[in-house]
Amino acid sequence: MNTRQTLRALVDARRGALVPGAFNALSARVIADLGFEAIYVTGAGVTNMHLGLPDQGFMGLAEMAEQTRRIRDAVELPLIVDADTGFGNALNVRHTVRTLERAGADCIQLEDQVAPKRCGHFNGKAVIETAEMVGKIKAAVDARRDSQLLLMARTDARSIHGFEAAVERAQRFAEAGADILFVEATETAGEIRALPKRLGPPQLMNMVIGGKTPIFSAQELGGLGYGIVLYANAALQGALAGMQRALGVLRETGRVDEDPSLVASFQERQRLVGKDEWDVLEKRYT
């Protein structure tokens, strides 16, 4: 199977597949090396790590397409790409889908926030009218050149209009052609348990460390029937903690030794970037 077929089978199995978020090619390689089955190219992570800014709509299509291309070159796992609001209206969505499909996306996620969007677990969000989002989804369906490219529709209506309104929107999005549904920022365990019973298509549940949604294990969510359990920024938050620890030791002591509890070894860093493979190629061509 190609990566799009693999992702479709993974989602349709509804067993709570764990999907971490990557913010660059090296983080994607770490995810693949650890044996995960798919990768989420996180808009928040790209914004935080490459721009040093909060997830409030500062990142654009060009940046997401470039990171998607780099990650696609680095790993062979299926890629779910965060396209925020589609970067404009329905016509912009059409262009966004074409661009990210060419870049190597296997699934493109679109959300119903008013632009500029913000992290789904921030306060102060607003959503567009349901009919406008339905139009965007239809534009995305028509834009894809490969019918195996998956489309994920996210609604942020739970925080604004309540749970029932979010479920109703998600149902409309499925009718418009969304392959996967994503109700963001559910706030109770009861809501998490109810969604798979209320909505037909496979769903993603977002586990935001420190966010508004109660944390469930992947096994629990798989048992409820979720297709994907997303940890969009676990790698990012882990990287930040690791950098702070290592640089804190450097600041306090004036040195950092090769301590595996503090830093990856020089050899491990070279392994993850494929240094031995490049050495073989260098010998072949010289």
C-alpha atoms as a PDB file:
ATOM      1  CA  MET A   1       0.000   0.000   0.000  1.00  0.00           C
ATOM      2  CA  ASN A   2       1.071   3.594  -0.532  1.00  0.00           C
ATOM      3  CA  THR A   3       1.065   6.010   2.401  1.00  0.00           C
ATOM      4  CA  ARG A   4      -2.460   7.259   1.680  1.00  0.00           C
ATOM      5  CA  GLN A   5      -3.865   3.740   1.584  1.00  0.00           C
ATOM      6  CA  THR A   6      -1.944   2.926   4.756  1.00  0.00           C
ATOM      7  CA  LEU A   7      -3.425   5.945   6.526  1.00  0.00           C
ATOM      8  CA  ARG A   8      -6.935   5.071   5.376  1.00  0.00           C
ATOM      9  CA  ALA A   9      -6.575   1.545   6.773  1.00  0.00           C
ATOM     10  CA  LEU A  10      -5.130   2.912  10.016  1.00  0.00           C
ATOM     11  CA  VAL A  11      -8.011   5.337  10.503  1.00  0.00           C
ATOM     12  CA  ASP A  12     -10.699   2.846   9.499  1.00  0.00           C
ATOM     13  CA  ALA A  13      -9.414   0.332  12.069  1.00  0.00           C
ATOM     14  CA  ARG A  14     -10.585   2.706  14.838  1.00  0.00           C
ATOM     15  CA  ARG A  15      -8.115   1.323  17.361  1.00  0.00           C
ATOM     16  CA  GLY A  16      -6.753   4.597  18.684  1.00  0.00           C
ATOM     17  CA  ALA A  17      -3.512   4.780  16.718  1.00  0.00           C
ATOM     18  CA  LEU A  18      -1.065   7.144  18.429  1.00  0.00           C
ATOM     19  CA  VAL A  19       0.064   9.932  16.105  1.00  0.00           C
ATOM     20  CA  PRO A  20       2.668  12.419  17.406  1.00  0.00           C
ATOM     21  CA  GLY A  21       3.250  15.819  15.868  1.00  0.00           C
ATOM     22  CA  ALA A  22       6.452  16.791  14.061  1.00  0.00           C
ATOM     23  CA  PHE A  23       7.668  20.357  13.626  1.00  0.00           C
ATOM     24  CA  ASN A  24      10.620  19.645  11.316  1.00  0.00           C
ATOM     25  CA  ALA A  25      12.358  16.808   9.484  1.00  0.00           C
ATOM     26  CA  LEU A  26      14.503  15.669  12.427  1.00  0.00           C
ATOM     27  CA  SER A  27      11.553  15.441  14.810  1.00  0.00           C
ATOM     28  CA  ALA A  28       9.770  13.387  12.120  1.00  0.00           C
ATOM     29  CA  ARG A  29      12.764  11.040  11.937  1.00  0.00           C
ATOM     30  CA  VAL A  30      12.661  10.548  15.708  1.00  0.00           C
ATOM     31  CA  ILE A  31       8.951   9.694  15.507  1.00  0.00           C
ATOM     32  CA  ALA A  32       9.534   7.203  12.693  1.00  0.00           C
ATOM     33  CA  ASP A  33      12.570   5.696  14.447  1.00  0.00           C
ATOM     34  CA  LEU A  34      10.483   5.003  17.555  1.00  0.00           C
ATOM     35  CA  GLY A  35       7.991   2.980  15.532  1.00  0.00           C
ATOM     36  CA  PHE A  36       4.934   5.234  15.330  1.00  0.00           C
ATOM     37  CA  GLU A  37       2.626   4.591  12.400  1.00  0.00           C
ATOM     38  CA  ALA A  38       1.898   8.122  11.158  1.00  0.00           C
ATOM     39  CA  ILE A  39       2.950  11.733  11.707  1.00  0.00           C
ATOM     40  CA  TYR A  40       1.005  14.952  12.192  1.00  0.00           C
ATOM     41  CA  VAL A  41       2.695  18.048  10.739  1.00  0.00           C
ATOM     42  CA  THR A  42       1.691  20.520  13.425  1.00  0.00           C
ATOM     43  CA  GLY A  43       0.923  24.130  12.620  1.00  0.00           C
ATOM     44  CA  ALA A  44       1.413  25.140  16.243  1.00  0.00           C
ATOM     45  CA  GLY A  45       4.761  23.373  16.340  1.00  0.00           C
ATOM     46  CA  VAL A  46       5.979  24.944  13.103  1.00  0.00           C
ATOM     47  CA  THR A  47       4.877  28.370  14.373  1.00  0.00           C
ATOM     48  CA  ASN A  48       6.499  27.948  17.786  1.00  0.00           C
ATOM     49  CA  MET A  49       9.746  26.376  16.632  1.00  0.00           C
ATOM     50  CA  HIS A  50      10.397  28.243  13.389  1.00  0.00           C
ATOM     51  CA  LEU A  51       8.909  31.648  14.091  1.00  0.00           C
ATOM     52  CA  GLY A  52       9.138  31.750  17.888  1.00  0.00           C
ATOM     53  CA  LEU A  53       5.521  32.899  18.003  1.00  0.00           C
ATOM     54  CA  PRO A  54       2.294  31.582  19.566  1.00  0.00           C
ATOM     55  CA  ASP A  55      -0.254  29.584  17.585  1.00  0.00           C
ATOM     56  CA  GLN A  56      -2.352  32.561  16.497  1.00  0.00           C
ATOM     57  CA  GLY A  57      -2.350  32.433  12.723  1.00  0.00           C
ATOM     58  CA  PHE A  58       1.179  33.705  12.058  1.00  0.00           C
ATOM     59  CA  MET A  59       2.201  30.674  10.013  1.00  0.00           C
ATOM     60  CA  GLY A  60       1.163  30.593   6.335  1.00  0.00           C
ATOM     61  CA  LEU A  61       0.720  28.096   3.525  1.00  0.00           C
ATOM     62  CA  ALA A  62       4.244  28.527   2.172  1.00  0.00           C
ATOM     63  CA  GLU A  63       5.809  27.611   5.521  1.00  0.00           C
ATOM     64  CA  MET A  64       3.564  24.573   5.996  1.00  0.00           C
ATOM     65  CA  ALA A  65       4.185  23.364   2.442  1.00  0.00           C
ATOM     66  CA  GLU A  66       7.955  23.736   2.873  1.00  0.00           C
ATOM     67  CA  GLN A  67       7.983  21.804   6.150  1.00  0.00           C
ATOM     68  CA  THR A  68       5.737  19.129   4.617  1.00  0.00           C
ATOM     69  CA  ARG A  69       8.143  18.701   1.687  1.00  0.00           C
ATOM     70  CA  ARG A  70      11.118  18.398   4.022  1.00  0.00           C
ATOM     71  CA  ILE A  71       9.369  15.875   6.256  1.00  0.00           C
ATOM     72  CA  ARG A  72       8.139  13.902   3.230  1.00  0.00           C
ATOM     73  CA  ASP A  73      11.742  13.605   2.044  1.00  0.00           C
ATOM     74  CA  ALA A  74      12.922  12.466   5.480  1.00  0.00           C
ATOM     75  CA  VAL A  75      10.365   9.750   6.326  1.00  0.00           C
ATOM     76  CA  GLU A  76       8.060   7.273   4.614  1.00  0.00           C
ATOM     77  CA  LEU A  77       5.198   7.360   7.123  1.00  0.00           C
ATOM     78  CA  PRO A  78       1.750   8.789   6.310  1.00  0.00           C
ATOM     79  CA  LEU A  79       1.542  12.546   6.914  1.00  0.00           C
ATOM     80  CA  ILE A  80      -1.480  14.400   8.297  1.00  0.00           C
ATOM     81  CA  VAL A  81      -0.916  18.092   7.613  1.00  0.00           C
ATOM     82  CA  ASP A  82      -2.468  20.920   9.615  1.00  0.00           C
ATOM     83  CA  ALA A  83      -3.808  23.515   7.158  1.00  0.00           C
ATOM     84  CA  ASP A  84      -5.502  25.713   9.770  1.00  0.00           C
ATOM     85  CA  THR A  85      -8.473  27.516   8.163  1.00  0.00           C
ATOM     86  CA  GLY A  86      -7.243  26.774   4.653  1.00  0.00           C
ATOM     87  CA  PHE A  87      -5.594  30.209   4.649  1.00  0.00           C
ATOM     88  CA  GLY A  88      -8.639  32.071   3.362  1.00  0.00           C
ATOM     89  CA  ASN A  89     -11.976  31.414   1.699  1.00  0.00           C
ATOM     90  CA  ALA A  90     -13.118  28.405  -0.344  1.00  0.00           C
ATOM     91  CA  LEU A  91     -10.969  29.427  -3.307  1.00  0.00           C
ATOM     92  CA  ASN A  92      -7.925  29.695  -1.055  1.00  0.00           C
ATOM     93  CA  VAL A  93      -8.784  26.237   0.301  1.00  0.00           C
ATOM     94  CA  ARG A  94      -8.694  24.858  -3.230  1.00  0.00           C
ATOM     95  CA  HIS A  95      -5.190  26.283  -3.709  1.00  0.00           C
ATOM     96  CA  THR A  96      -4.119  25.038  -0.269  1.00  0.00           C
ATOM     97  CA  VAL A  97      -5.210  21.471  -0.982  1.00  0.00           C
ATOM     98  CA  ARG A  98      -3.435  21.419  -4.342  1.00  0.00           C
ATOM     99  CA  THR A  99      -0.264  22.827  -2.781  1.00  0.00           C
ATOM    100  CA  LEU A 100      -0.126  20.453   0.194  1.00  0.00           C
ATOM    101  CA  GLU A 101      -1.063  17.449  -1.927  1.00  0.00           C
ATOM    102  CA  ARG A 102       1.922  18.170  -4.184  1.00  0.00           C
ATOM    103  CA  ALA A 103       4.110  18.628  -1.088  1.00  0.00           C
ATOM    104  CA  GLY A 104       3.353  15.086   0.074  1.00  0.00           C
ATOM    105  CA  ALA A 105       0.390  15.297   2.445  1.00  0.00           C
ATOM    106  CA  ASP A 106      -1.691  12.142   2.850  1.00  0.00           C
ATOM    107  CA  CYS A 107      -4.417  13.920   4.851  1.00  0.00           C
ATOM    108  CA  ILE A 108      -5.166  17.635   5.056  1.00  0.00           C
ATOM    109  CA  GLN A 109      -6.882  19.089   8.126  1.00  0.00           C
ATOM    110  CA  LEU A 110      -9.149  22.139   7.814  1.00  0.00           C
ATOM    111  CA  GLU A 111     -10.883  23.942  10.673  1.00  0.00           C
ATOM    112  CA  ASP A 112     -13.851  26.268  11.054  1.00  0.00           C
ATOM    113  CA  GLN A 113     -12.263  29.102  13.031  1.00  0.00           C
ATOM    114  CA  VAL A 114     -12.406  32.729  11.997  1.00  0.00           C
ATOM    115  CA  ALA A 115      -9.026  33.853  10.656  1.00  0.00           C
ATOM    116  CA  PRO A 116      -6.606  34.569  12.144  1.00  0.00           C
ATOM    117  CA  LYS A 117      -7.106  31.305  14.001  1.00  0.00           C
ATOM    118  CA  ARG A 118      -5.623  30.444  17.367  1.00  0.00           C
ATOM    119  CA  CYS A 119      -4.761  27.307  19.276  1.00  0.00           C
ATOM    120  CA  GLY A 120      -7.898  25.304  19.968  1.00  0.00           C
ATOM    121  CA  HIS A 121      -7.166  25.414  23.696  1.00  0.00           C
ATOM    122  CA  PHE A 122      -6.786  29.213  23.857  1.00  0.00           C
ATOM    123  CA  ASN A 123      -9.650  31.456  24.909  1.00  0.00           C
ATOM    124  CA  GLY A 124     -11.136  34.031  22.551  1.00  0.00           C
ATOM    125  CA  LYS A 125     -11.824  31.768  19.570  1.00  0.00           C
ATOM    126  CA  ALA A 126     -14.578  32.417  17.021  1.00  0.00           C
ATOM    127  CA  VAL A 127     -15.979  30.182  14.292  1.00  0.00           C
ATOM    128  CA  ILE A 128     -17.360  30.916  10.846  1.00  0.00           C
ATOM    129  CA  GLU A 129     -20.902  30.021   9.843  1.00  0.00           C
ATOM    130  CA  THR A 130     -21.532  26.328   9.240  1.00  0.00           C
ATOM    131  CA  ALA A 131     -22.531  26.948   5.616  1.00  0.00           C
ATOM    132  CA  GLU A 132     -19.244  28.700   4.879  1.00  0.00           C
ATOM    133  CA  MET A 133     -17.238  25.789   6.289  1.00  0.00           C
ATOM    134  CA  VAL A 134     -19.344  23.327   4.289  1.00  0.00           C
ATOM    135  CA  GLY A 135     -18.389  25.277   1.186  1.00  0.00           C
ATOM    136  CA  LYS A 136     -14.716  25.057   2.115  1.00  0.00           C
ATOM    137  CA  ILE A 137     -14.936  21.296   2.555  1.00  0.00           C
ATOM    138  CA  LYS A 138     -16.659  20.903  -0.805  1.00  0.00           C
ATOM    139  CA  ALA A 139     -13.923  22.996  -2.401  1.00  0.00           C
ATOM    140  CA  ALA A 140     -11.303  20.748  -0.790  1.00  0.00           C
ATOM    141  CA  VAL A 141     -13.037  17.610  -2.061  1.00  0.00           C
ATOM    142  CA  ASP A 142     -13.141  19.003  -5.593  1.00  0.00           C
ATOM    143  CA  ALA A 143      -9.523  20.220  -5.441  1.00  0.00           C
ATOM    144  CA  ARG A 144      -7.768  16.958  -4.644  1.00  0.00           C
ATOM    145  CA  ARG A 145      -6.214  15.263  -7.658  1.00  0.00           C
ATOM    146  CA  ASP A 146      -5.868  11.918  -5.917  1.00  0.00           C
ATOM    147  CA  SER A 147      -9.125  10.553  -4.529  1.00  0.00           C
ATOM    148  CA  GLN A 148      -7.083   8.660  -1.902  1.00  0.00           C
ATOM    149  CA  LEU A 149      -5.998  11.941  -0.288  1.00  0.00           C
ATOM    150  CA  LEU A 150      -7.933  12.181   2.980  1.00  0.00           C
ATOM    151  CA  LEU A 151      -9.629  15.324   4.265  1.00  0.00           C
ATOM    152  CA  MET A 152     -10.113  15.986   7.963  1.00  0.00           C
ATOM    153  CA  ALA A 153     -12.633  18.565   9.176  1.00  0.00           C
ATOM    154  CA  ARG A 154     -12.149  20.117  12.595  1.00  0.00           C
ATOM    155  CA  THR A 155     -14.700  22.161  14.483  1.00  0.00           C
ATOM    156  CA  ASP A 156     -13.878  24.505  17.350  1.00  0.00           C
ATOM    157  CA  ALA A 157     -17.550  25.171  18.089  1.00  0.00           C
ATOM    158  CA  ARG A 158     -17.528  23.253  21.399  1.00  0.00           C
ATOM    159  CA  SER A 159     -15.883  26.131  23.250  1.00  0.00           C
ATOM    160  CA  ILE A 160     -18.183  28.750  21.725  1.00  0.00           C
ATOM    161  CA  HIS A 161     -21.606  27.237  21.072  1.00  0.00           C
ATOM    162  CA  GLY A 162     -21.493  24.069  23.176  1.00  0.00           C
ATOM    163  CA  PHE A 163     -21.143  20.346  22.614  1.00  0.00           C
ATOM    164  CA  GLU A 164     -24.394  19.745  20.730  1.00  0.00           C
ATOM    165  CA  ALA A 165     -23.620  22.509  18.257  1.00  0.00           C
ATOM    166  CA  ALA A 166     -20.186  20.996  17.661  1.00  0.00           C
ATOM    167  CA  VAL A 167     -21.696  17.564  16.983  1.00  0.00           C
ATOM    168  CA  GLU A 168     -24.206  19.077  14.563  1.00  0.00           C
ATOM    169  CA  ARG A 169     -21.450  20.890  12.690  1.00  0.00           C
ATOM    170  CA  ALA A 170     -19.341  17.753  12.466  1.00  0.00           C
ATOM    171  CA  GLN A 171     -22.279  15.875  10.976  1.00  0.00           C
ATOM    172  CA  ARG A 172     -22.665  18.571   8.314  1.00  0.00           C
ATOM    173  CA  PHE A 173     -18.960  18.394   7.548  1.00  0.00           C
ATOM    174  CA  ALA A 174     -19.190  14.641   7.016  1.00  0.00           C
ATOM    175  CA  GLU A 175     -22.107  15.131   4.633  1.00  0.00           C
ATOM    176  CA  ALA A 176     -19.975  17.624   2.687  1.00  0.00           C
ATOM    177  CA  GLY A 177     -17.288  14.998   2.135  1.00  0.00           C
ATOM    178  CA  ALA A 178     -14.914  15.026   5.122  1.00  0.00           C
ATOM    179  CA  ASP A 179     -13.271  11.625   5.626  1.00  0.00           C
ATOM    180  CA  ILE A 180     -12.244  12.183   9.271  1.00  0.00           C
ATOM    181  CA  LEU A 181     -13.881  14.354  11.936  1.00  0.00           C
ATOM    182  CA  PHE A 182     -12.158  16.268  14.726  1.00  0.00           C
ATOM    183  CA  VAL A 183     -14.156  17.938  17.486  1.00  0.00           C
ATOM    184  CA  GLU A 184     -11.557  20.120  19.218  1.00  0.00           C
ATOM    185  CA  ALA A 185     -11.320  21.000  22.904  1.00  0.00           C
ATOM    186  CA  THR A 186     -13.938  18.685  24.362  1.00  0.00           C
ATOM    187  CA  GLU A 187     -14.040  19.428  28.075  1.00  0.00           C
ATOM    188  CA  THR A 188     -15.547  16.387  29.809  1.00  0.00           C
ATOM    189  CA  ALA A 189     -15.001  12.659  29.847  1.00  0.00           C
ATOM    190  CA  GLY A 190     -18.665  12.211  28.968  1.00  0.00           C
ATOM    191  CA  GLU A 191     -18.225  14.182  25.752  1.00  0.00           C
ATOM    192  CA  ILE A 192     -15.215  12.088  24.774  1.00  0.00           C
ATOM    193  CA  ARG A 193     -17.190   8.891  25.323  1.00  0.00           C
ATOM    194  CA  ALA A 194     -20.230  10.196  23.441  1.00  0.00           C
ATOM    195  CA  LEU A 195     -18.619  11.331  20.177  1.00  0.00           C
ATOM    196  CA  PRO A 196     -17.964   7.913  18.587  1.00  0.00           C
ATOM    197  CA  LYS A 197     -21.592   7.011  19.211  1.00  0.00           C
ATOM    198  CA  ARG A 198     -22.899  10.254  17.714  1.00  0.00           C
ATOM    199  CA  LEU A 199     -20.797  10.553  14.553  1.00  0.00           C
ATOM    200  CA  GLY A 200     -20.359   8.015  11.769  1.00  0.00           C
ATOM    201  CA  PRO A 201     -16.954   8.680  10.148  1.00  0.00           C
ATOM    202  CA  PRO A 202     -13.668   7.913  11.905  1.00  0.00           C
ATOM    203  CA  GLN A 203     -12.578  10.528  14.391  1.00  0.00           C
ATOM    204  CA  LEU A 204      -9.433  12.064  15.836  1.00  0.00           C
ATOM    205  CA  MET A 205      -9.152  12.947  19.509  1.00  0.00           C
ATOM    206  CA  ASN A 206      -6.553  15.564  20.428  1.00  0.00           C
ATOM    207  CA  MET A 207      -4.704  15.066  23.696  1.00  0.00           C
ATOM    208  CA  VAL A 208      -3.203  18.474  24.539  1.00  0.00           C
ATOM    209  CA  ILE A 209      -0.798  18.297  27.460  1.00  0.00           C
ATOM    210  CA  GLY A 210      -2.032  20.995  29.852  1.00  0.00           C
ATOM    211  CA  GLY A 211      -5.068  21.764  27.651  1.00  0.00           C
ATOM    212  CA  LYS A 212      -8.824  21.710  28.251  1.00  0.00           C
ATOM    213  CA  THR A 213      -9.494  18.086  27.281  1.00  0.00           C
ATOM    214  CA  PRO A 214      -9.221  15.309  29.901  1.00  0.00           C
ATOM    215  CA  ILE A 215      -6.350  12.947  29.124  1.00  0.00           C
ATOM    216  CA  PHE A 216      -7.347   9.413  28.132  1.00  0.00           C
ATOM    217  CA  SER A 217      -4.901   6.670  27.186  1.00  0.00           C
ATOM    218  CA  ALA A 218      -4.696   5.556  23.568  1.00  0.00           C
ATOM    219  CA  GLN A 219      -6.005   2.147  24.659  1.00  0.00           C
ATOM    220  CA  GLU A 220      -9.076   3.745  26.234  1.00  0.00           C
ATOM    221  CA  LEU A 221      -9.748   5.901  23.176  1.00  0.00           C
ATOM    222  CA  GLY A 222      -9.247   2.974  20.830  1.00  0.00           C
ATOM    223  CA  GLY A 223     -11.747   0.994  22.882  1.00  0.00           C
ATOM    224  CA  LEU A 224     -14.248   3.817  22.394  1.00  0.00           C
ATOM    225  CA  GLY A 225     -13.718   3.663  18.622  1.00  0.00           C
ATOM    226  CA  TYR A 226     -11.445   6.621  17.856  1.00  0.00           C
ATOM    227  CA  GLY A 227      -9.271   6.194  14.785  1.00  0.00           C
ATOM    228  CA  ILE A 228      -6.458   8.530  15.802  1.00  0.00           C
ATOM    229  CA  VAL A 229      -5.137   9.753  19.136  1.00  0.00           C
ATOM    230  CA  LEU A 230      -3.177  12.912  18.471  1.00  0.00           C
ATOM    231  CA  TYR A 231      -0.327  14.267  20.585  1.00  0.00           C
ATOM    232  CA  ALA A 232       0.402  17.222  18.355  1.00  0.00           C
ATOM    233  CA  ASN A 233       3.070  18.858  20.481  1.00  0.00           C
ATOM    234  CA  ALA A 234       4.409  16.232  22.875  1.00  0.00           C
ATOM    235  CA  ALA A 235       7.676  16.168  20.915  1.00  0.00           C
ATOM    236  CA  LEU A 236       7.881  19.951  20.967  1.00  0.00           C
ATOM    237  CA  GLN A 237       7.261  20.193  24.713  1.00  0.00           C
ATOM    238  CA  GLY A 238       9.744  17.384  25.339  1.00  0.00           C
ATOM    239  CA  ALA A 239      12.344  19.123  23.178  1.00  0.00           C
ATOM    240  CA  LEU A 240      11.865  22.370  25.069  1.00  0.00           C
ATOM    241  CA  ALA A 241      12.290  20.630  28.417  1.00  0.00           C
ATOM    242  CA  GLY A 242      15.410  18.837  27.164  1.00  0.00           C
ATOM    243  CA  MET A 243      16.977  22.030  25.831  1.00  0.00           C
ATOM    244  CA  GLN A 244      16.272  23.843  29.077  1.00  0.00           C
ATOM    245  CA  ARG A 245      17.849  21.033  31.122  1.00  0.00           C
ATOM    246  CA  ALA A 246      20.980  20.737  28.985  1.00  0.00           C
ATOM    247  CA  LEU A 247      21.540  24.470  28.655  1.00  0.00           C
ATOM    248  CA  GLY A 248      20.784  24.977  32.335  1.00  0.00           C
ATOM    249  CA  VAL A 249      23.613  22.570  33.207  1.00  0.00           C
ATOM    250  CA  LEU A 250      25.897  24.361  30.736  1.00  0.00           C
ATOM    251  CA  ARG A 251      25.105  27.724  32.311  1.00  0.00           C
ATOM    252  CA  GLU A 252      25.569  26.485  35.870  1.00  0.00           C
ATOM    253  CA  THR A 253      28.697  24.354  35.423  1.00  0.00           C
ATOM    254  CA  GLY A 254      30.347  25.713  32.299  1.00  0.00           C
ATOM    255  CA  ARG A 255      30.402  22.303  30.556  1.00  0.00           C
ATOM    256  CA  VAL A 256      28.184  19.511  29.286  1.00  0.00           C
ATOM    257  CA  ASP A 257      29.568  15.974  29.179  1.00  0.00           C
ATOM    258  CA  GLU A 258      28.136  13.093  27.147  1.00  0.00           C
ATOM    259  CA  ASP A 259      25.550  12.176  29.759  1.00  0.00           C
ATOM    260  CA  PRO A 260      22.732  10.098  28.163  1.00  0.00           C
ATOM    261  CA  SER A 261      20.269  11.370  30.754  1.00  0.00           C
ATOM    262  CA  LEU A 262      20.954  14.912  29.565  1.00  0.00           C
ATOM    263  CA  VAL A 263      21.884  14.832  25.884  1.00  0.00           C
ATOM    264  CA  ALA A 264      21.806  12.370  23.006  1.00  0.00           C
ATOM    265  CA  SER A 265      25.251  11.066  22.120  1.00  0.00           C
ATOM    266  CA  PHE A 266      27.210  12.339  19.133  1.00  0.00           C
ATOM    267  CA  GLN A 267      26.788   8.892  17.544  1.00  0.00           C
ATOM    268  CA  GLU A 268      23.029   8.880  18.094  1.00  0.00           C
ATOM    269  CA  ARG A 269      22.699  12.256  16.444  1.00  0.00           C
ATOM    270  CA  GLN A 270      24.605  11.010  13.399  1.00  0.00           C
ATOM    271  CA  ARG A 271      22.514   7.822  13.259  1.00  0.00           C
ATOM    272  CA  LEU A 272      19.248   9.748  13.175  1.00  0.00           C
ATOM    273  CA  VAL A 273      20.403  11.910  10.276  1.00  0.00           C
ATOM    274  CA  GLY A 274      21.685   8.905   8.302  1.00  0.00           C
ATOM    275  CA  LYS A 275      25.392   9.761   8.364  1.00  0.00           C
ATOM    276  CA  ASP A 276      26.494   6.168   7.575  1.00  0.00           C
ATOM    277  CA  GLU A 277      24.219   6.068   4.521  1.00  0.00           C
ATOM    278  CA  TRP A 278      25.688   9.307   3.206  1.00  0.00           C
ATOM    279  CA  ASP A 279      29.194   7.937   3.769  1.00  0.00           C
ATOM    280  CA  VAL A 280      28.336   4.912   1.599  1.00  0.00           C
ATOM    281  CA  LEU A 281      26.995   7.182  -1.137  1.00  0.00           C
ATOM    282  CA  GLU A 282      30.097   9.368  -0.978  1.00  0.00           C
ATOM    283  CA  LYS A 283      32.328   6.327  -1.560  1.00  0.00           C
ATOM    284  CA  ARG A 284      30.130   5.144  -4.438  1.00  0.00           C
ATOM    285  CA  TYR A 285      30.344   8.430  -6.302  1.00  0.00           C
ATOM    286  CA  THR A 286      33.991   9.225  -5.643  1.00  0.00           C
END
